[in-house]
Amino acid sequence: MARWSQQASSQEIKERRRTDPAFASFYRLNIEREARETPSTQFELAGQSKNTKQATPELIAFAEEYRKTPVEKVRQLRSPAFNPLGYKKYIDNIEMALAAGLL
């Protein structure tokens, strides 16, 4: 079957898959085997990309501290009114930790 499918046209393969259950099973198993060995870019998780930076020790420490911080304190640290000099850096750190999968 393998030799025949390498020499046959796509139309011939399609017809044989339709009429020969053994060949259809053989063809499906080959497709599944190829799919398992091929990395898929179709199903990337939302918000994650291949170019995600590796987590630095500082970012890991930030993420751990962020998880321990009460919600009210996080709101204050993210607010320009309560943290005018550091809110941008704090928000940037949150976004980097999310991108690295730490939060």
PDB file of N, CA and C in Angstrom:
ATOM      1  N   MET A   1       0.817  -1.193   0.000  1.00  0.00           N
ATOM      2  CA  MET A   1       0.000   0.000   0.000  1.00  0.00           C
ATOM      3  C   MET A   1       0.868   1.268   0.000  1.00  0.00           C
ATOM      4  N   ALA A   2       1.964   1.215   0.754  1.00  0.00           N
ATOM      5  CA  ALA A   2       2.810   2.393   0.847  1.00  0.00           C
ATOM      6  C   ALA A   2       3.426   2.724  -0.505  1.00  0.00           C
ATOM      7  N   ARG A   3       3.929   1.706  -1.189  1.00  0.00           N
ATOM      8  CA  ARG A   3       4.529   1.951  -2.506  1.00  0.00           C
ATOM      9  C   ARG A   3       3.492   2.457  -3.500  1.00  0.00           C
ATOM     10  N   TRP A   4       2.318   1.830  -3.466  1.00  0.00           N
ATOM     11  CA  TRP A   4       1.275   2.244  -4.393  1.00  0.00           C
ATOM     12  C   TRP A   4       0.888   3.703  -4.149  1.00  0.00           C
ATOM     13  N   SER A   5       0.731   4.094  -2.866  1.00  0.00           N
ATOM     14  CA  SER A   5       0.296   5.462  -2.564  1.00  0.00           C
ATOM     15  C   SER A   5       1.358   6.496  -2.937  1.00  0.00           C
ATOM     16  N   GLN A   6       2.629   6.093  -2.963  1.00  0.00           N
ATOM     17  CA  GLN A   6       3.684   7.028  -3.366  1.00  0.00           C
ATOM     18  C   GLN A   6       3.676   7.275  -4.863  1.00  0.00           C
ATOM     19  N   GLN A   7       3.181   6.313  -5.639  1.00  0.00           N
ATOM     20  CA  GLN A   7       3.178   6.435  -7.095  1.00  0.00           C
ATOM     21  C   GLN A   7       1.830   6.881  -7.655  1.00  0.00           C
ATOM     22  N   ALA A   8       0.785   6.780  -6.857  1.00  0.00           N
ATOM     23  CA  ALA A   8      -0.560   7.100  -7.348  1.00  0.00           C
ATOM     24  C   ALA A   8      -0.818   8.600  -7.307  1.00  0.00           C
ATOM     25  N   SER A   9      -1.762   9.026  -8.119  1.00  0.00           N
ATOM     26  CA  SER A   9      -2.167  10.439  -8.104  1.00  0.00           C
ATOM     27  C   SER A   9      -3.099  10.680  -6.928  1.00  0.00           C
ATOM     28  N   SER A  10      -3.298  11.922  -6.586  1.00  0.00           N
ATOM     29  CA  SER A  10      -4.176  12.244  -5.462  1.00  0.00           C
ATOM     30  C   SER A  10      -5.608  11.800  -5.732  1.00  0.00           C
ATOM     31  N   GLN A  11      -6.035  11.869  -6.973  1.00  0.00           N
ATOM     32  CA  GLN A  11      -7.384  11.416  -7.322  1.00  0.00           C
ATOM     33  C   GLN A  11      -7.514   9.905  -7.128  1.00  0.00           C
ATOM     34  N   GLU A  12      -6.484   9.146  -7.523  1.00  0.00           N
ATOM     35  CA  GLU A  12      -6.512   7.690  -7.347  1.00  0.00           C
ATOM     36  C   GLU A  12      -6.530   7.331  -5.860  1.00  0.00           C
ATOM     37  N   ILE A  13      -5.756   8.042  -5.072  1.00  0.00           N
ATOM     38  CA  ILE A  13      -5.739   7.800  -3.629  1.00  0.00           C
ATOM     39  C   ILE A  13      -7.104   8.093  -3.030  1.00  0.00           C
ATOM     40  N   LYS A  14      -7.686   9.189  -3.417  1.00  0.00           N
ATOM     41  CA  LYS A  14      -9.003   9.570  -2.909  1.00  0.00           C
ATOM     42  C   LYS A  14     -10.041   8.501  -3.253  1.00  0.00           C
ATOM     43  N   GLU A  15     -10.014   8.017  -4.466  1.00  0.00           N
ATOM     44  CA  GLU A  15     -10.968   6.989  -4.900  1.00  0.00           C
ATOM     45  C   GLU A  15     -10.749   5.686  -4.130  1.00  0.00           C
ATOM     46  N   ARG A  16      -9.491   5.283  -3.957  1.00  0.00           N
ATOM     47  CA  ARG A  16      -9.216   4.034  -3.243  1.00  0.00           C
ATOM     48  C   ARG A  16      -9.599   4.154  -1.772  1.00  0.00           C
ATOM     49  N   ARG A  17      -9.384   5.305  -1.159  1.00  0.00           N
ATOM     50  CA  ARG A  17      -9.806   5.524   0.233  1.00  0.00           C
ATOM     51  C   ARG A  17     -11.308   5.376   0.366  1.00  0.00           C
ATOM     52  N   ARG A  18     -12.025   5.821  -0.645  1.00  0.00           N
ATOM     53  CA  ARG A  18     -13.486   5.751  -0.627  1.00  0.00           C
ATOM     54  C   ARG A  18     -13.980   4.310  -0.770  1.00  0.00           C
ATOM     55  N   THR A  19     -13.281   3.490  -1.559  1.00  0.00           N
ATOM     56  CA  THR A  19     -13.776   2.149  -1.873  1.00  0.00           C
ATOM     57  C   THR A  19     -13.094   1.036  -1.075  1.00  0.00           C
ATOM     58  N   ASP A  20     -11.920   1.265  -0.525  1.00  0.00           N
ATOM     59  CA  ASP A  20     -11.166   0.215   0.165  1.00  0.00           C
ATOM     60  C   ASP A  20     -10.980   0.588   1.642  1.00  0.00           C
ATOM     61  N   PRO A  21     -11.747  -0.029   2.553  1.00  0.00           N
ATOM     62  CA  PRO A  21     -11.651   0.313   3.979  1.00  0.00           C
ATOM     63  C   PRO A  21     -10.254   0.074   4.566  1.00  0.00           C
ATOM     64  N   ALA A  22      -9.558  -0.957   4.116  1.00  0.00           N
ATOM     65  CA  ALA A  22      -8.217  -1.234   4.629  1.00  0.00           C
ATOM     66  C   ALA A  22      -7.258  -0.115   4.238  1.00  0.00           C
ATOM     67  N   PHE A  23      -7.349   0.361   2.998  1.00  0.00           N
ATOM     68  CA  PHE A  23      -6.492   1.454   2.557  1.00  0.00           C
ATOM     69  C   PHE A  23      -6.863   2.749   3.277  1.00  0.00           C
ATOM     70  N   ALA A  24      -8.145   2.964   3.493  1.00  0.00           N
ATOM     71  CA  ALA A  24      -8.583   4.169   4.206  1.00  0.00           C
ATOM     72  C   ALA A  24      -7.996   4.189   5.613  1.00  0.00           C
ATOM     73  N   SER A  25      -7.999   3.033   6.286  1.00  0.00           N
ATOM     74  CA  SER A  25      -7.426   2.947   7.624  1.00  0.00           C
ATOM     75  C   SER A  25      -5.917   3.183   7.579  1.00  0.00           C
ATOM     76  N   PHE A  26      -5.235   2.567   6.611  1.00  0.00           N
ATOM     77  CA  PHE A  26      -3.797   2.746   6.425  1.00  0.00           C
ATOM     78  C   PHE A  26      -3.464   4.221   6.211  1.00  0.00           C
ATOM     79  N   TYR A  27      -4.222   4.887   5.370  1.00  0.00           N
ATOM     80  CA  TYR A  27      -3.982   6.289   5.035  1.00  0.00           C
ATOM     81  C   TYR A  27      -4.198   7.175   6.273  1.00  0.00           C
ATOM     82  N   ARG A  28      -5.289   6.924   7.005  1.00  0.00           N
ATOM     83  CA  ARG A  28      -5.605   7.714   8.200  1.00  0.00           C
ATOM     84  C   ARG A  28      -4.500   7.551   9.256  1.00  0.00           C
ATOM     85  N   LEU A  29      -4.028   6.319   9.464  1.00  0.00           N
ATOM     86  CA  LEU A  29      -2.968   6.087  10.443  1.00  0.00           C
ATOM     87  C   LEU A  29      -1.673   6.795  10.055  1.00  0.00           C
ATOM     88  N   ASN A  30      -1.363   6.816   8.770  1.00  0.00           N
ATOM     89  CA  ASN A  30      -0.165   7.534   8.319  1.00  0.00           C
ATOM     90  C   ASN A  30      -0.286   9.033   8.559  1.00  0.00           C
ATOM     91  N   ILE A  31      -1.458   9.577   8.288  1.00  0.00           N
ATOM     92  CA  ILE A  31      -1.690  11.014   8.532  1.00  0.00           C
ATOM     93  C   ILE A  31      -1.554  11.318  10.026  1.00  0.00           C
ATOM     94  N   GLU A  32      -2.148  10.470  10.876  1.00  0.00           N
ATOM     95  CA  GLU A  32      -2.047  10.675  12.326  1.00  0.00           C
ATOM     96  C   GLU A  32      -0.597  10.590  12.796  1.00  0.00           C
ATOM     97  N   ARG A  33       0.157   9.644  12.270  1.00  0.00           N
ATOM     98  CA  ARG A  33       1.563   9.476  12.641  1.00  0.00           C
ATOM     99  C   ARG A  33       2.363  10.717  12.250  1.00  0.00           C
ATOM    100  N   GLU A  34       2.117  11.227  11.065  1.00  0.00           N
ATOM    101  CA  GLU A  34       2.812  12.444  10.628  1.00  0.00           C
ATOM    102  C   GLU A  34       2.439  13.635  11.492  1.00  0.00           C
ATOM    103  N   ALA A  35       1.158  13.711  11.862  1.00  0.00           N
ATOM    104  CA  ALA A  35       0.697  14.837  12.673  1.00  0.00           C
ATOM    105  C   ALA A  35       1.335  14.829  14.057  1.00  0.00           C
ATOM    106  N   ARG A  36       1.530  13.654  14.626  1.00  0.00           N
ATOM    107  CA  ARG A  36       2.164  13.571  15.952  1.00  0.00           C
ATOM    108  C   ARG A  36       3.610  14.026  15.909  1.00  0.00           C
ATOM    109  N   GLU A  37       4.283  13.833  14.805  1.00  0.00           N
ATOM    110  CA  GLU A  37       5.698  14.181  14.690  1.00  0.00           C
ATOM    111  C   GLU A  37       5.927  15.607  14.206  1.00  0.00           C
ATOM    112  N   THR A  38       4.853  16.321  13.860  1.00  0.00           N
ATOM    113  CA  THR A  38       4.971  17.668  13.323  1.00  0.00           C
ATOM    114  C   THR A  38       4.473  18.672  14.350  1.00  0.00           C
ATOM    115  N   PRO A  39       5.298  19.663  14.724  1.00  0.00           N
ATOM    116  CA  PRO A  39       4.812  20.686  15.657  1.00  0.00           C
ATOM    117  C   PRO A  39       3.716  21.517  15.008  1.00  0.00           C
ATOM    118  N   SER A  40       2.693  21.811  15.779  1.00  0.00           N
ATOM    119  CA  SER A  40       1.554  22.551  15.244  1.00  0.00           C
ATOM    120  C   SER A  40       1.618  24.013  15.641  1.00  0.00           C
ATOM    121  N   THR A  41       1.476  24.890  14.671  1.00  0.00           N
ATOM    122  CA  THR A  41       1.392  26.318  14.966  1.00  0.00           C
ATOM    123  C   THR A  41      -0.056  26.778  14.930  1.00  0.00           C
ATOM    124  N   GLN A  42      -0.939  25.882  14.563  1.00  0.00           N
ATOM    125  CA  GLN A  42      -2.348  26.244  14.430  1.00  0.00           C
ATOM    126  C   GLN A  42      -2.999  26.492  15.785  1.00  0.00           C
ATOM    127  N   PHE A  43      -2.521  25.813  16.825  1.00  0.00           N
ATOM    128  CA  PHE A  43      -3.202  25.873  18.102  1.00  0.00           C
ATOM    129  C   PHE A  43      -2.371  26.535  19.186  1.00  0.00           C
ATOM    130  N   GLU A  44      -1.699  27.638  18.884  1.00  0.00           N
ATOM    131  CA  GLU A  44      -0.970  28.364  19.912  1.00  0.00           C
ATOM    132  C   GLU A  44      -1.958  28.945  20.906  1.00  0.00           C
ATOM    133  N   LEU A  45      -1.577  28.940  22.156  1.00  0.00           N
ATOM    134  CA  LEU A  45      -2.447  29.479  23.192  1.00  0.00           C
ATOM    135  C   LEU A  45      -2.516  30.995  23.076  1.00  0.00           C
ATOM    136  N   ALA A  46      -3.676  31.518  23.356  1.00  0.00           N
ATOM    137  CA  ALA A  46      -3.867  32.966  23.288  1.00  0.00           C
ATOM    138  C   ALA A  46      -2.934  33.655  24.265  1.00  0.00           C
ATOM    139  N   GLY A  47      -2.265  34.687  23.795  1.00  0.00           N
ATOM    140  CA  GLY A  47      -1.382  35.463  24.653  1.00  0.00           C
ATOM    141  C   GLY A  47       0.005  34.883  24.786  1.00  0.00           C
ATOM    142  N   GLN A  48       0.258  33.748  24.188  1.00  0.00           N
ATOM    143  CA  GLN A  48       1.582  33.158  24.262  1.00  0.00           C
ATOM    144  C   GLN A  48       2.140  33.033  22.860  1.00  0.00           C
ATOM    145  N   SER A  49       3.383  33.348  22.698  1.00  0.00           N
ATOM    146  CA  SER A  49       4.013  33.230  21.399  1.00  0.00           C
ATOM    147  C   SER A  49       5.328  32.503  21.546  1.00  0.00           C
ATOM    148  N   LYS A  50       5.893  32.113  20.433  1.00  0.00           N
ATOM    149  CA  LYS A  50       7.173  31.420  20.469  1.00  0.00           C
ATOM    150  C   LYS A  50       8.287  32.350  20.912  1.00  0.00           C
ATOM    151  N   ASN A  51       8.079  33.653  20.794  1.00  0.00           N
ATOM    152  CA  ASN A  51       9.114  34.630  21.133  1.00  0.00           C
ATOM    153  C   ASN A  51       9.037  35.091  22.584  1.00  0.00           C
ATOM    154  N   THR A  52       8.297  34.362  23.403  1.00  0.00           N
ATOM    155  CA  THR A  52       8.174  34.745  24.799  1.00  0.00           C
ATOM    156  C   THR A  52       9.545  34.704  25.465  1.00  0.00           C
ATOM    157  N   LYS A  53       9.869  35.787  26.144  1.00  0.00           N
ATOM    158  CA  LYS A  53      11.166  35.854  26.815  1.00  0.00           C
ATOM    159  C   LYS A  53      11.186  34.866  27.976  1.00  0.00           C
ATOM    160  N   GLN A  54      12.368  34.364  28.264  1.00  0.00           N
ATOM    161  CA  GLN A  54      12.531  33.473  29.405  1.00  0.00           C
ATOM    162  C   GLN A  54      12.396  34.293  30.685  1.00  0.00           C
ATOM    163  N   ALA A  55      11.878  33.654  31.709  1.00  0.00           N
ATOM    164  CA  ALA A  55      11.683  34.329  32.985  1.00  0.00           C
ATOM    165  C   ALA A  55      13.029  34.529  33.674  1.00  0.00           C
ATOM    166  N   THR A  56      13.297  35.750  34.048  1.00  0.00           N
ATOM    167  CA  THR A  56      14.512  36.063  34.795  1.00  0.00           C
ATOM    168  C   THR A  56      14.246  35.816  36.278  1.00  0.00           C
ATOM    169  N   PRO A  57      15.290  35.685  37.082  1.00  0.00           N
ATOM    170  CA  PRO A  57      15.076  35.510  38.526  1.00  0.00           C
ATOM    171  C   PRO A  57      14.293  36.680  39.145  1.00  0.00           C
ATOM    172  N   GLU A  58      14.553  37.886  38.635  1.00  0.00           N
ATOM    173  CA  GLU A  58      13.829  39.054  39.150  1.00  0.00           C
ATOM    174  C   GLU A  58      12.339  38.952  38.828  1.00  0.00           C
ATOM    175  N   LEU A  59      12.029  38.493  37.622  1.00  0.00           N
ATOM    176  CA  LEU A  59      10.628  38.365  37.216  1.00  0.00           C
ATOM    177  C   LEU A  59       9.933  37.261  38.009  1.00  0.00           C
ATOM    178  N   ILE A  60      10.637  36.181  38.278  1.00  0.00           N
ATOM    179  CA  ILE A  60      10.074  35.097  39.093  1.00  0.00           C
ATOM    180  C   ILE A  60       9.792  35.599  40.500  1.00  0.00           C
ATOM    181  N   ALA A  61      10.728  36.366  41.057  1.00  0.00           N
ATOM    182  CA  ALA A  61      10.532  36.935  42.392  1.00  0.00           C
ATOM    183  C   ALA A  61       9.349  37.903  42.396  1.00  0.00           C
ATOM    184  N   PHE A  62       9.227  38.714  41.340  1.00  0.00           N
ATOM    185  CA  PHE A  62       8.093  39.636  41.242  1.00  0.00           C
ATOM    186  C   PHE A  62       6.778  38.862  41.226  1.00  0.00           C
ATOM    187  N   ALA A  63       6.714  37.786  40.431  1.00  0.00           N
ATOM    188  CA  ALA A  63       5.485  37.008  40.317  1.00  0.00           C
ATOM    189  C   ALA A  63       5.109  36.371  41.653  1.00  0.00           C
ATOM    190  N   GLU A  64       6.092  35.877  42.381  1.00  0.00           N
ATOM    191  CA  GLU A  64       5.824  35.300  43.698  1.00  0.00           C
ATOM    192  C   GLU A  64       5.292  36.361  44.659  1.00  0.00           C
ATOM    193  N   GLU A  65       5.911  37.524  44.643  1.00  0.00           N
ATOM    194  CA  GLU A  65       5.461  38.619  45.506  1.00  0.00           C
ATOM    195  C   GLU A  65       4.061  39.091  45.092  1.00  0.00           C
ATOM    196  N   TYR A  66       3.813  39.152  43.806  1.00  0.00           N
ATOM    197  CA  TYR A  66       2.505  39.580  43.299  1.00  0.00           C
ATOM    198  C   TYR A  66       1.401  38.654  43.815  1.00  0.00           C
ATOM    199  N   ARG A  67       1.677  37.339  43.798  1.00  0.00           N
ATOM    200  CA  ARG A  67       0.670  36.384  44.271  1.00  0.00           C
ATOM    201  C   ARG A  67       0.397  36.531  45.760  1.00  0.00           C
ATOM    202  N   LYS A  68       1.377  36.979  46.524  1.00  0.00           N
ATOM    203  CA  LYS A  68       1.217  37.145  47.978  1.00  0.00           C
ATOM    204  C   LYS A  68       0.555  38.473  48.344  1.00  0.00           C
ATOM    205  N   THR A  69       0.587  39.435  47.436  1.00  0.00           N
ATOM    206  CA  THR A  69       0.106  40.786  47.726  1.00  0.00           C
ATOM    207  C   THR A  69      -1.418  40.825  47.720  1.00  0.00           C
ATOM    208  N   PRO A  70      -2.024  41.453  48.740  1.00  0.00           N
ATOM    209  CA  PRO A  70      -3.486  41.597  48.755  1.00  0.00           C
ATOM    210  C   PRO A  70      -3.982  42.423  47.561  1.00  0.00           C
ATOM    211  N   VAL A  71      -5.203  42.148  47.141  1.00  0.00           N
ATOM    212  CA  VAL A  71      -5.779  42.798  45.963  1.00  0.00           C
ATOM    213  C   VAL A  71      -5.804  44.320  46.122  1.00  0.00           C
ATOM    214  N   GLU A  72      -6.141  44.798  47.292  1.00  0.00           N
ATOM    215  CA  GLU A  72      -6.213  46.247  47.511  1.00  0.00           C
ATOM    216  C   GLU A  72      -4.842  46.895  47.301  1.00  0.00           C
ATOM    217  N   LYS A  73      -3.796  46.236  47.763  1.00  0.00           N
ATOM    218  CA  LYS A  73      -2.437  46.768  47.588  1.00  0.00           C
ATOM    219  C   LYS A  73      -2.038  46.755  46.114  1.00  0.00           C
ATOM    220  N   VAL A  74      -2.422  45.710  45.381  1.00  0.00           N
ATOM    221  CA  VAL A  74      -2.131  45.643  43.943  1.00  0.00           C
ATOM    222  C   VAL A  74      -2.821  46.800  43.224  1.00  0.00           C
ATOM    223  N   ARG A  75      -4.060  47.073  43.590  1.00  0.00           N
ATOM    224  CA  ARG A  75      -4.781  48.208  42.979  1.00  0.00           C
ATOM    225  C   ARG A  75      -4.032  49.520  43.205  1.00  0.00           C
ATOM    226  N   GLN A  76      -3.518  49.698  44.412  1.00  0.00           N
ATOM    227  CA  GLN A  76      -2.776  50.920  44.715  1.00  0.00           C
ATOM    228  C   GLN A  76      -1.484  50.998  43.910  1.00  0.00           C
ATOM    229  N   LEU A  77      -0.776  49.888  43.798  1.00  0.00           N
ATOM    230  CA  LEU A  77       0.487  49.884  43.065  1.00  0.00           C
ATOM    231  C   LEU A  77       0.283  50.106  41.567  1.00  0.00           C
ATOM    232  N   ARG A  78      -0.887  49.704  41.052  1.00  0.00           N
ATOM    233  CA  ARG A  78      -1.185  49.900  39.622  1.00  0.00           C
ATOM    234  C   ARG A  78      -1.766  51.281  39.329  1.00  0.00           C
ATOM    235  N   SER A  79      -2.086  52.027  40.352  1.00  0.00           N
ATOM    236  CA  SER A  79      -2.771  53.310  40.182  1.00  0.00           C
ATOM    237  C   SER A  79      -1.790  54.473  40.071  1.00  0.00           C
ATOM    238  N   PRO A  80      -1.949  55.320  39.040  1.00  0.00           N
ATOM    239  CA  PRO A  80      -1.103  56.518  38.938  1.00  0.00           C
ATOM    240  C   PRO A  80      -1.307  57.472  40.116  1.00  0.00           C
ATOM    241  N   ALA A  81      -2.490  57.455  40.713  1.00  0.00           N
ATOM    242  CA  ALA A  81      -2.766  58.350  41.835  1.00  0.00           C
ATOM    243  C   ALA A  81      -2.005  57.925  43.096  1.00  0.00           C
ATOM    244  N   PHE A  82      -1.920  56.619  43.351  1.00  0.00           N
ATOM    245  CA  PHE A  82      -1.258  56.130  44.556  1.00  0.00           C
ATOM    246  C   PHE A  82       0.232  55.831  44.345  1.00  0.00           C
ATOM    247  N   ASN A  83       0.626  55.554  43.108  1.00  0.00           N
ATOM    248  CA  ASN A  83       2.007  55.182  42.822  1.00  0.00           C
ATOM    249  C   ASN A  83       2.472  55.911  41.556  1.00  0.00           C
ATOM    250  N   PRO A  84       2.557  57.250  41.608  1.00  0.00           N
ATOM    251  CA  PRO A  84       2.840  58.020  40.395  1.00  0.00           C
ATOM    252  C   PRO A  84       4.201  57.734  39.766  1.00  0.00           C
ATOM    253  N   LEU A  85       5.177  57.351  40.565  1.00  0.00           N
ATOM    254  CA  LEU A  85       6.512  57.122  40.018  1.00  0.00           C
ATOM    255  C   LEU A  85       6.764  55.668  39.604  1.00  0.00           C
ATOM    256  N   GLY A  86       5.923  54.749  40.053  1.00  0.00           N
ATOM    257  CA  GLY A  86       6.224  53.346  39.793  1.00  0.00           C
ATOM    258  C   GLY A  86       5.125  52.534  39.145  1.00  0.00           C
ATOM    259  N   TYR A  87       3.965  53.149  38.878  1.00  0.00           N
ATOM    260  CA  TYR A  87       2.857  52.343  38.359  1.00  0.00           C
ATOM    261  C   TYR A  87       3.136  51.762  36.978  1.00  0.00           C
ATOM    262  N   LYS A  88       3.846  52.508  36.116  1.00  0.00           N
ATOM    263  CA  LYS A  88       4.141  51.983  34.773  1.00  0.00           C
ATOM    264  C   LYS A  88       5.047  50.761  34.853  1.00  0.00           C
ATOM    265  N   LYS A  89       6.067  50.827  35.676  1.00  0.00           N
ATOM    266  CA  LYS A  89       6.986  49.697  35.840  1.00  0.00           C
ATOM    267  C   LYS A  89       6.250  48.494  36.422  1.00  0.00           C
ATOM    268  N   TYR A  90       5.364  48.745  37.357  1.00  0.00           N
ATOM    269  CA  TYR A  90       4.606  47.662  37.987  1.00  0.00           C
ATOM    270  C   TYR A  90       3.719  46.968  36.959  1.00  0.00           C
ATOM    271  N   ILE A  91       3.029  47.736  36.146  1.00  0.00           N
ATOM    272  CA  ILE A  91       2.170  47.174  35.104  1.00  0.00           C
ATOM    273  C   ILE A  91       3.004  46.426  34.064  1.00  0.00           C
ATOM    274  N   ASP A  92       4.148  46.966  33.698  1.00  0.00           N
ATOM    275  CA  ASP A  92       5.049  46.283  32.753  1.00  0.00           C
ATOM    276  C   ASP A  92       5.507  44.932  33.310  1.00  0.00           C
ATOM    277  N   ASN A  93       5.838  44.905  34.603  1.00  0.00           N
ATOM    278  CA  ASN A  93       6.248  43.652  35.227  1.00  0.00           C
ATOM    279  C   ASN A  93       5.115  42.621  35.213  1.00  0.00           C
ATOM    280  N   ILE A  94       3.897  43.073  35.468  1.00  0.00           N
ATOM    281  CA  ILE A  94       2.747  42.167  35.408  1.00  0.00           C
ATOM    282  C   ILE A  94       2.600  41.598  34.002  1.00  0.00           C
ATOM    283  N   GLU A  95       2.697  42.435  32.998  1.00  0.00           N
ATOM    284  CA  GLU A  95       2.548  41.974  31.615  1.00  0.00           C
ATOM    285  C   GLU A  95       3.666  41.008  31.212  1.00  0.00           C
ATOM    286  N   MET A  96       4.898  41.273  31.647  1.00  0.00           N
ATOM    287  CA  MET A  96       6.006  40.369  31.332  1.00  0.00           C
ATOM    288  C   MET A  96       5.821  39.023  32.040  1.00  0.00           C
ATOM    289  N   ALA A  97       5.335  39.045  33.285  1.00  0.00           N
ATOM    290  CA  ALA A  97       5.106  37.807  34.025  1.00  0.00           C
ATOM    291  C   ALA A  97       3.985  36.997  33.377  1.00  0.00           C
ATOM    292  N   LEU A  98       2.966  37.683  32.894  1.00  0.00           N
ATOM    293  CA  LEU A  98       1.885  36.978  32.182  1.00  0.00           C
ATOM    294  C   LEU A  98       2.407  36.353  30.892  1.00  0.00           C
ATOM    295  N   ALA A  99       3.210  37.084  30.156  1.00  0.00           N
ATOM    296  CA  ALA A  99       3.750  36.576  28.907  1.00  0.00           C
ATOM    297  C   ALA A  99       4.666  35.384  29.131  1.00  0.00           C
ATOM    298  N   ALA A 100       5.370  35.374  30.251  1.00  0.00           N
ATOM    299  CA  ALA A 100       6.276  34.268  30.569  1.00  0.00           C
ATOM    300  C   ALA A 100       5.539  33.090  31.190  1.00  0.00           C
ATOM    301  N   GLY A 101       4.240  33.254  31.446  1.00  0.00           N
ATOM    302  CA  GLY A 101       3.461  32.164  32.023  1.00  0.00           C
ATOM    303  C   GLY A 101       3.612  32.027  33.532  1.00  0.00           C
ATOM    304  N   LEU A 102       4.080  33.084  34.181  1.00  0.00           N
ATOM    305  CA  LEU A 102       4.287  33.031  35.620  1.00  0.00           C
ATOM    306  C   LEU A 102       3.028  33.408  36.400  1.00  0.00           C
ATOM    307  N   LEU A 103       2.121  34.103  35.787  1.00  0.00           N
ATOM    308  CA  LEU A 103       0.862  34.503  36.438  1.00  0.00           C
ATOM    309  C   LEU A 103      -0.318  33.940  35.674  1.00  0.00           C
TER     310      LEU A 103
END
